[in-house]
PDB file of N, CA and C in Angstrom:
ATOM      1  N   MET A   1       6.576  40.058  18.336  1.00  0.00           N
ATOM      2  CA  MET A   1       7.832  39.390  18.853  1.00  0.00           C
ATOM      3  C   MET A   1       7.763  38.665  20.060  1.00  0.00           C
ATOM      4  N   ALA A   2       6.834  38.994  21.022  1.00  0.00           N
ATOM      5  CA  ALA A   2       6.606  38.459  22.227  1.00  0.00           C
ATOM      6  C   ALA A   2       5.922  37.001  22.053  1.00  0.00           C
ATOM      7  N   ASN A   3       4.836  37.247  20.965  1.00  0.00           N
ATOM      8  CA  ASN A   3       4.155  36.000  20.625  1.00  0.00           C
ATOM      9  C   ASN A   3       5.161  34.816  20.113  1.00  0.00           C
ATOM     10  N   ALA A   4       6.014  35.188  19.362  1.00  0.00           N
ATOM     11  CA  ALA A   4       7.116  34.181  18.819  1.00  0.00           C
ATOM     12  C   ALA A   4       7.816  33.559  19.815  1.00  0.00           C
ATOM     13  N   GLN A   5       8.331  34.505  20.856  1.00  0.00           N
ATOM     14  CA  GLN A   5       9.095  33.898  21.782  1.00  0.00           C
ATOM     15  C   GLN A   5       8.227  32.977  22.795  1.00  0.00           C
ATOM     16  N   THR A   6       6.998  33.262  22.978  1.00  0.00           N
ATOM     17  CA  THR A   6       6.119  32.472  23.758  1.00  0.00           C
ATOM     18  C   THR A   6       5.974  31.033  23.068  1.00  0.00           C
ATOM     19  N   GLN A   7       5.803  31.177  21.638  1.00  0.00           N
ATOM     20  CA  GLN A   7       5.707  29.902  20.921  1.00  0.00           C
ATOM     21  C   GLN A   7       6.969  28.927  21.131  1.00  0.00           C
ATOM     22  N   ILE A   8       8.108  29.661  21.077  1.00  0.00           N
ATOM     23  CA  ILE A   8       9.364  28.951  21.080  1.00  0.00           C
ATOM     24  C   ILE A   8       9.345  28.294  22.421  1.00  0.00           C
ATOM     25  N   VAL A   9       9.246  28.982  23.643  1.00  0.00           N
ATOM     26  CA  VAL A   9       9.078  28.443  24.890  1.00  0.00           C
ATOM     27  C   VAL A   9       8.206  27.291  25.124  1.00  0.00           C
ATOM     28  N   HIS A  10       6.998  27.552  24.458  1.00  0.00           N
ATOM     29  CA  HIS A  10       6.042  26.483  24.452  1.00  0.00           C
ATOM     30  C   HIS A  10       6.526  25.080  23.839  1.00  0.00           C
ATOM     31  N   VAL A  11       7.079  25.278  22.599  1.00  0.00           N
ATOM     32  CA  VAL A  11       7.741  24.115  21.932  1.00  0.00           C
ATOM     33  C   VAL A  11       8.735  23.470  22.773  1.00  0.00           C
ATOM     34  N   SER A  12       9.609  24.286  23.204  1.00  0.00           N
ATOM     35  CA  SER A  12      10.729  23.594  23.941  1.00  0.00           C
ATOM     36  C   SER A  12      10.324  23.017  25.258  1.00  0.00           C
ATOM     37  N   ARG A  13       9.241  23.560  25.988  1.00  0.00           N
ATOM     38  CA  ARG A  13       8.666  22.757  27.117  1.00  0.00           C
ATOM     39  C   ARG A  13       8.073  21.539  26.789  1.00  0.00           C
ATOM     40  N   SER A  14       7.352  21.558  25.459  1.00  0.00           N
ATOM     41  CA  SER A  14       6.702  20.308  24.938  1.00  0.00           C
ATOM     42  C   SER A  14       7.751  19.130  24.654  1.00  0.00           C
ATOM     43  N   LEU A  15       8.901  19.608  24.053  1.00  0.00           N
ATOM     44  CA  LEU A  15       9.793  18.728  23.623  1.00  0.00           C
ATOM     45  C   LEU A  15      10.560  18.115  24.878  1.00  0.00           C
ATOM     46  N   GLU A  16      10.705  19.023  26.012  1.00  0.00           N
ATOM     47  CA  GLU A  16      11.146  18.494  27.271  1.00  0.00           C
ATOM     48  C   GLU A  16      10.260  17.499  27.973  1.00  0.00           C
ATOM     49  N   ALA A  17       9.015  17.935  27.900  1.00  0.00           N
ATOM     50  CA  ALA A  17       8.036  16.886  28.512  1.00  0.00           C
ATOM     51  C   ALA A  17       8.042  15.421  27.604  1.00  0.00           C
ATOM     52  N   LEU A  18       8.046  15.705  26.471  1.00  0.00           N
ATOM     53  CA  LEU A  18       8.116  14.344  25.461  1.00  0.00           C
ATOM     54  C   LEU A  18       9.206  13.588  25.917  1.00  0.00           C
ATOM     55  N   PHE A  19      10.296  14.025  25.948  1.00  0.00           N
ATOM     56  CA  PHE A  19      11.663  13.157  26.179  1.00  0.00           C
ATOM     57  C   PHE A  19      11.988  12.796  27.594  1.00  0.00           C
ATOM     58  N   PHE A  20      11.427  13.482  28.578  1.00  0.00           N
ATOM     59  CA  PHE A  20      11.802  13.373  30.167  1.00  0.00           C
ATOM     60  C   PHE A  20      10.755  12.984  30.995  1.00  0.00           C
ATOM     61  N   ILE A  21       9.451  13.085  30.687  1.00  0.00           N
ATOM     62  CA  ILE A  21       8.371  12.674  31.477  1.00  0.00           C
ATOM     63  C   ILE A  21       8.265  11.250  31.614  1.00  0.00           C
ATOM     64  N   GLY A  22       8.489  10.478  30.596  1.00  0.00           N
ATOM     65  CA  GLY A  22       8.373   9.035  30.465  1.00  0.00           C
ATOM     66  C   GLY A  22       9.464   8.347  31.354  1.00  0.00           C
ATOM     67  N   GLY A  23      10.383   8.984  31.798  1.00  0.00           N
ATOM     68  CA  GLY A  23      11.391   8.411  32.561  1.00  0.00           C
ATOM     69  C   GLY A  23      12.376   7.453  31.825  1.00  0.00           C
ATOM     70  N   LYS A  24      12.656   6.200  32.356  1.00  0.00           N
ATOM     71  CA  LYS A  24      13.599   5.430  31.641  1.00  0.00           C
ATOM     72  C   LYS A  24      13.196   4.819  30.282  1.00  0.00           C
ATOM     73  N   VAL A  25      11.840   4.564  30.399  1.00  0.00           N
ATOM     74  CA  VAL A  25      11.343   4.081  29.116  1.00  0.00           C
ATOM     75  C   VAL A  25      11.359   5.032  28.046  1.00  0.00           C
ATOM     76  N   MET A  26      11.034   6.230  28.213  1.00  0.00           N
ATOM     77  CA  MET A  26      11.124   7.253  27.075  1.00  0.00           C
ATOM     78  C   MET A  26      12.519   7.480  26.601  1.00  0.00           C
ATOM     79  N   LYS A  27      13.342   7.542  27.705  1.00  0.00           N
ATOM     80  CA  LYS A  27      14.794   7.742  27.221  1.00  0.00           C
ATOM     81  C   LYS A  27      15.231   6.516  26.522  1.00  0.00           C
ATOM     82  N   MET A  28      14.826   5.304  26.777  1.00  0.00           N
ATOM     83  CA  MET A  28      15.272   4.157  25.947  1.00  0.00           C
ATOM     84  C   MET A  28      14.709   4.348  24.611  1.00  0.00           C
ATOM     85  N   LYS A  29      13.464   4.693  24.535  1.00  0.00           N
ATOM     86  CA  LYS A  29      12.847   4.747  23.128  1.00  0.00           C
ATOM     87  C   LYS A  29      13.584   5.886  22.216  1.00  0.00           C
ATOM     88  N   THR A  30      14.049   6.867  22.986  1.00  0.00           N
ATOM     89  CA  THR A  30      14.885   7.871  22.321  1.00  0.00           C
ATOM     90  C   THR A  30      16.333   7.339  21.872  1.00  0.00           C
ATOM     91  N   VAL A  31      16.869   6.676  22.752  1.00  0.00           N
ATOM     92  CA  VAL A  31      18.164   6.033  22.413  1.00  0.00           C
ATOM     93  C   VAL A  31      18.033   5.040  21.170  1.00  0.00           C
ATOM     94  N   VAL A  32      16.888   4.199  21.243  1.00  0.00           N
ATOM     95  CA  VAL A  32      16.672   3.150  20.215  1.00  0.00           C
ATOM     96  C   VAL A  32      16.492   4.057  18.804  1.00  0.00           C
ATOM     97  N   LEU A  33      15.694   5.104  18.978  1.00  0.00           N
ATOM     98  CA  LEU A  33      15.397   5.799  17.788  1.00  0.00           C
ATOM     99  C   LEU A  33      16.539   6.512  17.173  1.00  0.00           C
ATOM    100  N   CYS A  34      17.584   6.873  18.087  1.00  0.00           N
ATOM    101  CA  CYS A  34      18.709   7.586  17.605  1.00  0.00           C
ATOM    102  C   CYS A  34      19.612   6.442  16.918  1.00  0.00           C
ATOM    103  N   LEU A  35      19.742   5.258  17.458  1.00  0.00           N
ATOM    104  CA  LEU A  35      20.433   4.299  16.920  1.00  0.00           C
ATOM    105  C   LEU A  35      19.886   3.752  15.556  1.00  0.00           C
ATOM    106  N   LEU A  36      18.473   3.667  15.401  1.00  0.00           N
ATOM    107  CA  LEU A  36      18.040   3.296  14.202  1.00  0.00           C
ATOM    108  C   LEU A  36      18.304   4.383  13.047  1.00  0.00           C
ATOM    109  N   ILE A  37      18.137   5.534  13.357  1.00  0.00           N
ATOM    110  CA  ILE A  37      18.575   6.608  12.306  1.00  0.00           C
ATOM    111  C   ILE A  37      20.097   6.503  11.909  1.00  0.00           C
ATOM    112  N   THR A  38      20.814   6.287  12.969  1.00  0.00           N
ATOM    113  CA  THR A  38      22.252   6.078  12.724  1.00  0.00           C
ATOM    114  C   THR A  38      22.500   4.942  11.843  1.00  0.00           C
ATOM    115  N   LEU A  39      21.916   3.833  12.132  1.00  0.00           N
ATOM    116  CA  LEU A  39      22.301   2.535  11.393  1.00  0.00           C
ATOM    117  C   LEU A  39      21.580   2.639  10.012  1.00  0.00           C
ATOM    118  N   SER A  40      20.504   3.450   9.784  1.00  0.00           N
ATOM    119  CA  SER A  40      19.880   3.478   8.582  1.00  0.00           C
ATOM    120  C   SER A  40      20.790   4.072   7.558  1.00  0.00           C
ATOM    121  N   ALA A  41      21.744   4.845   7.925  1.00  0.00           N
ATOM    122  CA  ALA A  41      22.701   5.441   7.108  1.00  0.00           C
ATOM    123  C   ALA A  41      23.467   4.462   6.175  1.00  0.00           C
ATOM    124  N   SER A  42      23.730   3.469   6.930  1.00  0.00           N
ATOM    125  CA  SER A  42      24.578   2.422   6.022  1.00  0.00           C
ATOM    126  C   SER A  42      23.579   1.706   5.202  1.00  0.00           C
ATOM    127  N   VAL A  43      22.459   1.410   5.501  1.00  0.00           N
ATOM    128  CA  VAL A  43      21.501   0.876   4.609  1.00  0.00           C
ATOM    129  C   VAL A  43      21.284   1.765   3.257  1.00  0.00           C
ATOM    130  N   CYS A  44      21.180   3.033   3.449  1.00  0.00           N
ATOM    131  CA  CYS A  44      20.949   3.992   2.379  1.00  0.00           C
ATOM    132  C   CYS A  44      22.212   4.075   1.358  1.00  0.00           C
ATOM    133  N   ASN A  45      23.367   3.553   1.843  1.00  0.00           N
ATOM    134  CA  ASN A  45      24.495   3.578   0.993  1.00  0.00           C
ATOM    135  C   ASN A  45      24.417   3.070  -0.249  1.00  0.00           C
ATOM    136  N   ALA A  46      24.814   3.449  -1.405  1.00  0.00           N
ATOM    137  CA  ALA A  46      24.787   2.885  -2.711  1.00  0.00           C
ATOM    138  C   ALA A  46      25.655   1.613  -2.865  1.00  0.00           C
ATOM    139  N   LYS A  47      26.534   1.450  -2.091  1.00  0.00           N
ATOM    140  CA  LYS A  47      27.428   0.274  -2.094  1.00  0.00           C
ATOM    141  C   LYS A  47      26.961  -0.984  -1.412  1.00  0.00           C
ATOM    142  N   ASN A  48      25.700  -0.715  -0.832  1.00  0.00           N
ATOM    143  CA  ASN A  48      24.995  -1.799  -0.150  1.00  0.00           C
ATOM    144  C   ASN A  48      24.572  -3.018  -0.952  1.00  0.00           C
ATOM    145  N   VAL A  49      24.836  -4.200  -0.500  1.00  0.00           N
ATOM    146  CA  VAL A  49      24.583  -5.422  -1.139  1.00  0.00           C
ATOM    147  C   VAL A  49      23.153  -5.408  -1.646  1.00  0.00           C
ATOM    148  N   VAL A  50      22.124  -5.052  -0.833  1.00  0.00           N
ATOM    149  CA  VAL A  50      20.787  -4.980  -1.370  1.00  0.00           C
ATOM    150  C   VAL A  50      20.555  -4.135  -2.570  1.00  0.00           C
ATOM    151  N   HIS A  51      21.140  -2.923  -2.661  1.00  0.00           N
ATOM    152  CA  HIS A  51      21.089  -2.075  -3.747  1.00  0.00           C
ATOM    153  C   HIS A  51      21.695  -2.693  -4.981  1.00  0.00           C
ATOM    154  N   GLN A  52      22.874  -3.466  -4.817  1.00  0.00           N
ATOM    155  CA  GLN A  52      23.430  -4.124  -5.989  1.00  0.00           C
ATOM    156  C   GLN A  52      22.551  -5.158  -6.503  1.00  0.00           C
ATOM    157  N   ILE A  53      21.815  -5.906  -5.816  1.00  0.00           N
ATOM    158  CA  ILE A  53      20.861  -6.946  -6.082  1.00  0.00           C
ATOM    159  C   ILE A  53      19.754  -6.166  -6.814  1.00  0.00           C
ATOM    160  N   GLU A  54      19.116  -5.189  -6.257  1.00  0.00           N
ATOM    161  CA  GLU A  54      18.119  -4.599  -6.946  1.00  0.00           C
ATOM    162  C   GLU A  54      18.463  -3.960  -8.289  1.00  0.00           C
ATOM    163  N   ASP A  55      19.674  -3.394  -8.391  1.00  0.00           N
ATOM    164  CA  ASP A  55      20.021  -2.822  -9.650  1.00  0.00           C
ATOM    165  C   ASP A  55      20.394  -3.913 -10.669  1.00  0.00           C
ATOM    166  N   SER A  56      20.743  -5.212 -10.206  1.00  0.00           N
ATOM    167  CA  SER A  56      21.142  -6.149 -11.229  1.00  0.00           C
ATOM    168  C   SER A  56      19.833  -6.833 -11.823  1.00  0.00           C
ATOM    169  N   MET A  57      18.711  -6.927 -11.047  1.00  0.00           N
ATOM    170  CA  MET A  57      17.498  -7.403 -11.585  1.00  0.00           C
ATOM    171  C   MET A  57      16.705  -6.441 -12.410  1.00  0.00           C
ATOM    172  N   PRO A  58      16.341  -6.931 -13.635  1.00  0.00           N
ATOM    173  CA  PRO A  58      15.494  -6.010 -14.492  1.00  0.00           C
ATOM    174  C   PRO A  58      14.039  -5.737 -13.688  1.00  0.00           C
ATOM    175  N   VAL A  59      13.439  -4.686 -14.222  1.00  0.00           N
ATOM    176  CA  VAL A  59      12.002  -4.261 -13.592  1.00  0.00           C
ATOM    177  C   VAL A  59      11.135  -5.541 -13.922  1.00  0.00           C
ATOM    178  N   ASP A  60      11.237  -6.182 -14.976  1.00  0.00           N
ATOM    179  CA  ASP A  60      10.203  -7.252 -15.405  1.00  0.00           C
ATOM    180  C   ASP A  60      10.315  -8.335 -14.309  1.00  0.00           C
ATOM    181  N   LYS A  61      11.468  -8.676 -13.768  1.00  0.00           N
ATOM    182  CA  LYS A  61      11.696  -9.691 -12.766  1.00  0.00           C
ATOM    183  C   LYS A  61      11.032  -9.279 -11.442  1.00  0.00           C
ATOM    184  N   TRP A  62      11.176  -8.042 -11.088  1.00  0.00           N
ATOM    185  CA  TRP A  62      10.531  -7.472  -9.938  1.00  0.00           C
ATOM    186  C   TRP A  62       9.079  -7.608  -9.984  1.00  0.00           C
ATOM    187  N   ALA A  63       8.483  -7.354 -11.155  1.00  0.00           N
ATOM    188  CA  ALA A  63       7.021  -7.360 -11.463  1.00  0.00           C
ATOM    189  C   ALA A  63       6.511  -8.764 -11.287  1.00  0.00           C
ATOM    190  N   HIS A  64       7.326  -9.757 -11.804  1.00  0.00           N
ATOM    191  CA  HIS A  64       6.938 -11.166 -11.745  1.00  0.00           C
ATOM    192  C   HIS A  64       6.952 -11.511 -10.200  1.00  0.00           C
ATOM    193  N   LEU A  65       8.026 -11.059  -9.448  1.00  0.00           N
ATOM    194  CA  LEU A  65       8.083 -11.505  -8.003  1.00  0.00           C
ATOM    195  C   LEU A  65       6.910 -10.862  -7.298  1.00  0.00           C
ATOM    196  N   GLY A  66       6.571  -9.788  -7.567  1.00  0.00           N
ATOM    197  CA  GLY A  66       5.335  -8.994  -6.969  1.00  0.00           C
ATOM    198  C   GLY A  66       4.092  -9.674  -7.303  1.00  0.00           C
ATOM    199  N   LEU A  67       3.979 -10.114  -8.498  1.00  0.00           N
ATOM    200  CA  LEU A  67       2.608 -10.620  -8.836  1.00  0.00           C
ATOM    201  C   LEU A  67       2.486 -12.086  -8.364  1.00  0.00           C
ATOM    202  N   GLY A  68       3.617 -12.879  -8.121  1.00  0.00           N
ATOM    203  CA  GLY A  68       3.592 -14.094  -7.590  1.00  0.00           C
ATOM    204  C   GLY A  68       3.174 -13.991  -6.112  1.00  0.00           C
ATOM    205  N   TYR A  69       3.693 -12.920  -5.370  1.00  0.00           N
ATOM    206  CA  TYR A  69       3.371 -12.771  -4.051  1.00  0.00           C
ATOM    207  C   TYR A  69       1.785 -12.301  -3.918  1.00  0.00           C
ATOM    208  N   ILE A  70       1.313 -11.312  -4.783  1.00  0.00           N
ATOM    209  CA  ILE A  70       0.079 -10.958  -4.647  1.00  0.00           C
ATOM    210  C   ILE A  70      -1.000 -11.906  -5.066  1.00  0.00           C
ATOM    211  N   ILE A  71      -0.777 -12.892  -6.083  1.00  0.00           N
ATOM    212  CA  ILE A  71      -1.734 -13.872  -6.305  1.00  0.00           C
ATOM    213  C   ILE A  71      -1.760 -15.001  -5.206  1.00  0.00           C
ATOM    214  N   ASN A  72      -0.462 -15.316  -4.659  1.00  0.00           N
ATOM    215  CA  ASN A  72      -0.833 -16.306  -3.506  1.00  0.00           C
ATOM    216  C   ASN A  72      -1.321 -15.554  -2.232  1.00  0.00           C
ATOM    217  N   ASP A  73      -1.268 -14.281  -2.015  1.00  0.00           N
ATOM    218  CA  ASP A  73      -1.835 -13.623  -0.960  1.00  0.00           C
ATOM    219  C   ASP A  73      -3.350 -13.590  -1.154  1.00  0.00           C
ATOM    220  N   GLN A  74      -3.898 -13.361  -2.393  1.00  0.00           N
ATOM    221  CA  GLN A  74      -5.280 -13.250  -2.581  1.00  0.00           C
ATOM    222  C   GLN A  74      -5.799 -14.779  -2.635  1.00  0.00           C
ATOM    223  N   LEU A  75      -5.106 -15.652  -2.883  1.00  0.00           N
ATOM    224  CA  LEU A  75      -5.566 -17.108  -2.835  1.00  0.00           C
ATOM    225  C   LEU A  75      -5.803 -17.598  -1.376  1.00  0.00           C
ATOM    226  N   LYS A  76      -4.673 -17.021  -0.595  1.00  0.00           N
ATOM    227  CA  LYS A  76      -4.734 -17.241   1.000  1.00  0.00           C
ATOM    228  C   LYS A  76      -5.865 -16.701   1.576  1.00  0.00           C
ATOM    229  N   ARG A  77      -6.267 -15.437   1.193  1.00  0.00           N
ATOM    230  CA  ARG A  77      -7.438 -14.724   1.733  1.00  0.00           C
ATOM    231  C   ARG A  77      -8.754 -15.180   1.415  1.00  0.00           C
ATOM    232  N   HIS A  78      -8.921 -15.721   0.099  1.00  0.00           N
ATOM    233  CA  HIS A  78     -10.188 -15.924  -0.382  1.00  0.00           C
ATOM    234  C   HIS A  78     -10.555 -17.407  -0.793  1.00  0.00           C
ATOM    235  N   THR A  79      -9.637 -18.306  -0.523  1.00  0.00           N
ATOM    236  CA  THR A  79      -9.829 -19.748  -0.712  1.00  0.00           C
ATOM    237  C   THR A  79      -9.293 -20.520   0.419  1.00  0.00           C
ATOM    238  N   HIS A  80      -9.640 -21.782   0.294  1.00  0.00           N
ATOM    239  CA  HIS A  80      -9.181 -22.723   1.509  1.00  0.00           C
ATOM    240  C   HIS A  80      -8.108 -23.578   1.015  1.00  0.00           C
ATOM    241  N   LEU A  81      -7.281 -23.139   0.126  1.00  0.00           N
ATOM    242  CA  LEU A  81      -6.329 -23.989  -0.406  1.00  0.00           C
ATOM    243  C   LEU A  81      -4.961 -24.038   0.577  1.00  0.00           C
ATOM    244  N   THR A  82      -4.347 -25.164   0.645  1.00  0.00           N
ATOM    245  CA  THR A  82      -3.126 -25.292   1.388  1.00  0.00           C
ATOM    246  C   THR A  82      -2.106 -24.500   0.691  1.00  0.00           C
ATOM    247  N   PRO A  83      -0.943 -24.257   1.567  1.00  0.00           N
ATOM    248  CA  PRO A  83       0.258 -23.558   0.876  1.00  0.00           C
ATOM    249  C   PRO A  83       0.879 -24.060  -0.288  1.00  0.00           C
ATOM    250  N   LEU A  84       0.881 -25.475  -0.427  1.00  0.00           N
ATOM    251  CA  LEU A  84       1.459 -26.205  -1.328  1.00  0.00           C
ATOM    252  C   LEU A  84       0.589 -25.973  -2.692  1.00  0.00           C
ATOM    253  N   GLU A  85      -0.800 -26.236  -2.518  1.00  0.00           N
ATOM    254  CA  GLU A  85      -1.871 -25.894  -3.506  1.00  0.00           C
ATOM    255  C   GLU A  85      -1.802 -24.480  -4.103  1.00  0.00           C
ATOM    256  N   ARG A  86      -1.594 -23.570  -3.215  1.00  0.00           N
ATOM    257  CA  ARG A  86      -1.324 -22.103  -3.712  1.00  0.00           C
ATOM    258  C   ARG A  86      -0.240 -21.889  -4.506  1.00  0.00           C
ATOM    259  N   VAL A  87       0.854 -22.433  -4.119  1.00  0.00           N
ATOM    260  CA  VAL A  87       2.104 -22.296  -4.897  1.00  0.00           C
ATOM    261  C   VAL A  87       1.983 -23.114  -6.184  1.00  0.00           C
ATOM    262  N   LEU A  88       1.325 -24.238  -6.213  1.00  0.00           N
ATOM    263  CA  LEU A  88       1.194 -24.718  -7.441  1.00  0.00           C
ATOM    264  C   LEU A  88       0.200 -24.241  -8.353  1.00  0.00           C
ATOM    265  N   VAL A  89      -0.796 -23.420  -7.825  1.00  0.00           N
ATOM    266  CA  VAL A  89      -1.713 -22.585  -8.683  1.00  0.00           C
ATOM    267  C   VAL A  89      -0.980 -21.404  -9.329  1.00  0.00           C
ATOM    268  N   VAL A  90      -0.177 -20.835  -8.517  1.00  0.00           N
ATOM    269  CA  VAL A  90       0.540 -19.758  -8.946  1.00  0.00           C
ATOM    270  C   VAL A  90       1.655 -20.229 -10.079  1.00  0.00           C
ATOM    271  N   SER A  91       2.234 -21.318  -9.902  1.00  0.00           N
ATOM    272  CA  SER A  91       3.186 -22.026 -10.825  1.00  0.00           C
ATOM    273  C   SER A  91       2.449 -22.258 -12.114  1.00  0.00           C
ATOM    274  N   GLY A  92       1.314 -22.807 -11.993  1.00  0.00           N
ATOM    275  CA  GLY A  92       0.394 -23.162 -13.345  1.00  0.00           C
ATOM    276  C   GLY A  92       0.074 -21.934 -14.126  1.00  0.00           C
ATOM    277  N   VAL A  93      -0.479 -20.720 -13.187  1.00  0.00           N
ATOM    278  CA  VAL A  93      -0.734 -19.609 -14.044  1.00  0.00           C
ATOM    279  C   VAL A  93       0.456 -18.978 -14.581  1.00  0.00           C
ATOM    280  N   ALA A  94       1.673 -18.932 -13.909  1.00  0.00           N
ATOM    281  CA  ALA A  94       3.008 -18.329 -14.559  1.00  0.00           C
ATOM    282  C   ALA A  94       3.307 -19.253 -15.671  1.00  0.00           C
ATOM    283  N   TYR A  95       3.114 -20.489 -15.672  1.00  0.00           N
ATOM    284  CA  TYR A  95       3.580 -21.249 -16.885  1.00  0.00           C
ATOM    285  C   TYR A  95       2.701 -20.970 -17.877  1.00  0.00           C
ATOM    286  N   ALA A  96       1.473 -20.926 -17.734  1.00  0.00           N
ATOM    287  CA  ALA A  96       0.504 -20.631 -18.883  1.00  0.00           C
ATOM    288  C   ALA A  96       0.646 -19.427 -19.298  1.00  0.00           C
ATOM    289  N   LYS A  97       1.087 -18.364 -18.670  1.00  0.00           N
ATOM    290  CA  LYS A  97       1.211 -16.907 -19.135  1.00  0.00           C
ATOM    291  C   LYS A  97       2.438 -17.019 -20.004  1.00  0.00           C
ATOM    292  N   GLU A  98       3.650 -17.754 -19.627  1.00  0.00           N
ATOM    293  CA  GLU A  98       4.847 -17.761 -20.315  1.00  0.00           C
ATOM    294  C   GLU A  98       4.616 -18.478 -21.526  1.00  0.00           C
ATOM    295  N   LYS A  99       3.854 -19.674 -21.569  1.00  0.00           N
ATOM    296  CA  LYS A  99       3.617 -20.498 -22.632  1.00  0.00           C
ATOM    297  C   LYS A  99       2.790 -19.874 -23.755  1.00  0.00           C
ATOM    298  N   TRP A 100       1.768 -19.282 -23.362  1.00  0.00           N
ATOM    299  CA  TRP A 100       0.867 -18.946 -24.380  1.00  0.00           C
ATOM    300  C   TRP A 100       0.716 -17.255 -24.678  1.00  0.00           C
ATOM    301  N   ALA A 101       1.135 -16.490 -23.658  1.00  0.00           N
ATOM    302  CA  ALA A 101       0.903 -14.965 -23.531  1.00  0.00           C
ATOM    303  C   ALA A 101       2.176 -14.327 -24.195  1.00  0.00           C
ATOM    304  N   ASP A 102       3.331 -14.918 -23.913  1.00  0.00           N
ATOM    305  CA  ASP A 102       4.476 -14.305 -24.412  1.00  0.00           C
ATOM    306  C   ASP A 102       5.153 -14.944 -25.702  1.00  0.00           C
ATOM    307  N   GLU A 103       5.955 -14.178 -26.468  1.00  0.00           N
ATOM    308  CA  GLU A 103       6.288 -14.710 -27.731  1.00  0.00           C
ATOM    309  C   GLU A 103       7.484 -15.812 -27.496  1.00  0.00           C
ATOM    310  N   LYS A 104       8.251 -15.576 -26.316  1.00  0.00           N
ATOM    311  CA  LYS A 104       9.341 -16.387 -26.052  1.00  0.00           C
ATOM    312  C   LYS A 104       9.292 -16.830 -24.733  1.00  0.00           C
ATOM    313  N   PHE A 105       9.312 -18.119 -24.371  1.00  0.00           N
ATOM    314  CA  PHE A 105       9.209 -18.728 -23.035  1.00  0.00           C
ATOM    315  C   PHE A 105      10.372 -18.427 -22.262  1.00  0.00           C
ATOM    316  N   ASP A 106      10.285 -17.711 -21.125  1.00  0.00           N
ATOM    317  CA  ASP A 106      11.261 -17.332 -20.176  1.00  0.00           C
ATOM    318  C   ASP A 106      11.253 -18.102 -18.841  1.00  0.00           C
ATOM    319  N   SER A 107      12.021 -19.059 -18.693  1.00  0.00           N
ATOM    320  CA  SER A 107      12.089 -19.898 -17.437  1.00  0.00           C
ATOM    321  C   SER A 107      12.467 -18.933 -16.266  1.00  0.00           C
ATOM    322  N   GLY A 108      13.090 -18.002 -16.487  1.00  0.00           N
ATOM    323  CA  GLY A 108      13.525 -16.958 -15.390  1.00  0.00           C
ATOM    324  C   GLY A 108      12.428 -16.312 -14.903  1.00  0.00           C
ATOM    325  N   ASP A 109      11.524 -15.878 -15.619  1.00  0.00           N
ATOM    326  CA  ASP A 109      10.190 -15.118 -15.121  1.00  0.00           C
ATOM    327  C   ASP A 109       9.423 -16.233 -14.495  1.00  0.00           C
ATOM    328  N   LEU A 110       9.380 -17.390 -14.925  1.00  0.00           N
ATOM    329  CA  LEU A 110       8.497 -18.413 -14.162  1.00  0.00           C
ATOM    330  C   LEU A 110       9.117 -18.614 -12.765  1.00  0.00           C
ATOM    331  N   ALA A 111      10.414 -18.734 -12.730  1.00  0.00           N
ATOM    332  CA  ALA A 111      11.065 -19.045 -11.462  1.00  0.00           C
ATOM    333  C   ALA A 111      10.934 -17.830 -10.456  1.00  0.00           C
ATOM    334  N   VAL A 112      10.991 -16.693 -10.872  1.00  0.00           N
ATOM    335  CA  VAL A 112      10.699 -15.421 -10.123  1.00  0.00           C
ATOM    336  C   VAL A 112       9.449 -15.417  -9.560  1.00  0.00           C
ATOM    337  N   THR A 113       8.443 -15.760 -10.546  1.00  0.00           N
ATOM    338  CA  THR A 113       7.049 -15.585 -10.011  1.00  0.00           C
ATOM    339  C   THR A 113       6.759 -16.711  -8.937  1.00  0.00           C
ATOM    340  N   VAL A 114       7.350 -17.900  -9.125  1.00  0.00           N
ATOM    341  CA  VAL A 114       7.135 -18.831  -8.024  1.00  0.00           C
ATOM    342  C   VAL A 114       7.917 -18.520  -6.808  1.00  0.00           C
ATOM    343  N   ALA A 115       9.020 -17.913  -7.055  1.00  0.00           N
ATOM    344  CA  ALA A 115       9.727 -17.417  -5.712  1.00  0.00           C
ATOM    345  C   ALA A 115       8.955 -16.365  -5.071  1.00  0.00           C
ATOM    346  N   GLY A 116       8.146 -15.534  -5.705  1.00  0.00           N
ATOM    347  CA  GLY A 116       7.302 -14.549  -5.041  1.00  0.00           C
ATOM    348  C   GLY A 116       6.121 -15.233  -4.296  1.00  0.00           C
ATOM    349  N   SER A 117       5.692 -16.261  -4.908  1.00  0.00           N
ATOM    350  CA  SER A 117       4.717 -17.013  -4.189  1.00  0.00           C
ATOM    351  C   SER A 117       5.215 -17.717  -2.965  1.00  0.00           C
ATOM    352  N   LEU A 118       6.431 -18.276  -3.135  1.00  0.00           N
ATOM    353  CA  LEU A 118       6.887 -18.732  -1.845  1.00  0.00           C
ATOM    354  C   LEU A 118       7.475 -17.840  -0.851  1.00  0.00           C
ATOM    355  N   PHE A 119       7.727 -16.655  -1.331  1.00  0.00           N
ATOM    356  CA  PHE A 119       7.941 -15.587  -0.293  1.00  0.00           C
ATOM    357  C   PHE A 119       6.846 -15.307   0.416  1.00  0.00           C
ATOM    358  N   CYS A 120       5.640 -15.300  -0.066  1.00  0.00           N
ATOM    359  CA  CYS A 120       4.404 -15.011   0.696  1.00  0.00           C
ATOM    360  C   CYS A 120       4.123 -15.972   1.770  1.00  0.00           C
ATOM    361  N   GLU A 121       4.496 -17.266   1.623  1.00  0.00           N
ATOM    362  CA  GLU A 121       4.416 -18.273   2.550  1.00  0.00           C
ATOM    363  C   GLU A 121       5.323 -18.223   3.745  1.00  0.00           C
ATOM    364  N   ILE A 122       6.394 -17.361   3.714  1.00  0.00           N
ATOM    365  CA  ILE A 122       7.298 -17.299   4.850  1.00  0.00           C
ATOM    366  C   ILE A 122       6.616 -16.628   5.896  1.00  0.00           C
ATOM    367  N   LYS A 123       6.753 -17.147   7.259  1.00  0.00           N
ATOM    368  CA  LYS A 123       6.183 -16.393   8.486  1.00  0.00           C
ATOM    369  C   LYS A 123       7.246 -15.551   9.101  1.00  0.00           C
ATOM    370  N   PHE A 124       6.996 -14.231   9.270  1.00  0.00           N
ATOM    371  CA  PHE A 124       7.899 -13.379   9.878  1.00  0.00           C
ATOM    372  C   PHE A 124       7.750 -13.218  11.460  1.00  0.00           C
TER     373      PHE A 124
END
């Protein structure tokens, strides 16, 4: 019993040290963390616009978006192509796939693949 009480005291002192030794900086980090947790509740809400967009897009379109991004990213890492050339390469690959690999040409898949490629070019 005494050992458990000692551990509880040790943990509480550690938490106290974590939040109060850093002074104002640590208190500000704690406040920011609490705000982020509070604000993330609205993001997790099912009525969120982002969730509505995600639910309205079929899985196939998300796959095309991701592959456009990945192909552009790999071209960026391993070639000396310009951003325009990379987007054109991804567009050509997507067009060829839709034209010859699929039974029916889907311009929506082509557009989403190119959008993924363009998304890779955005600087955050």
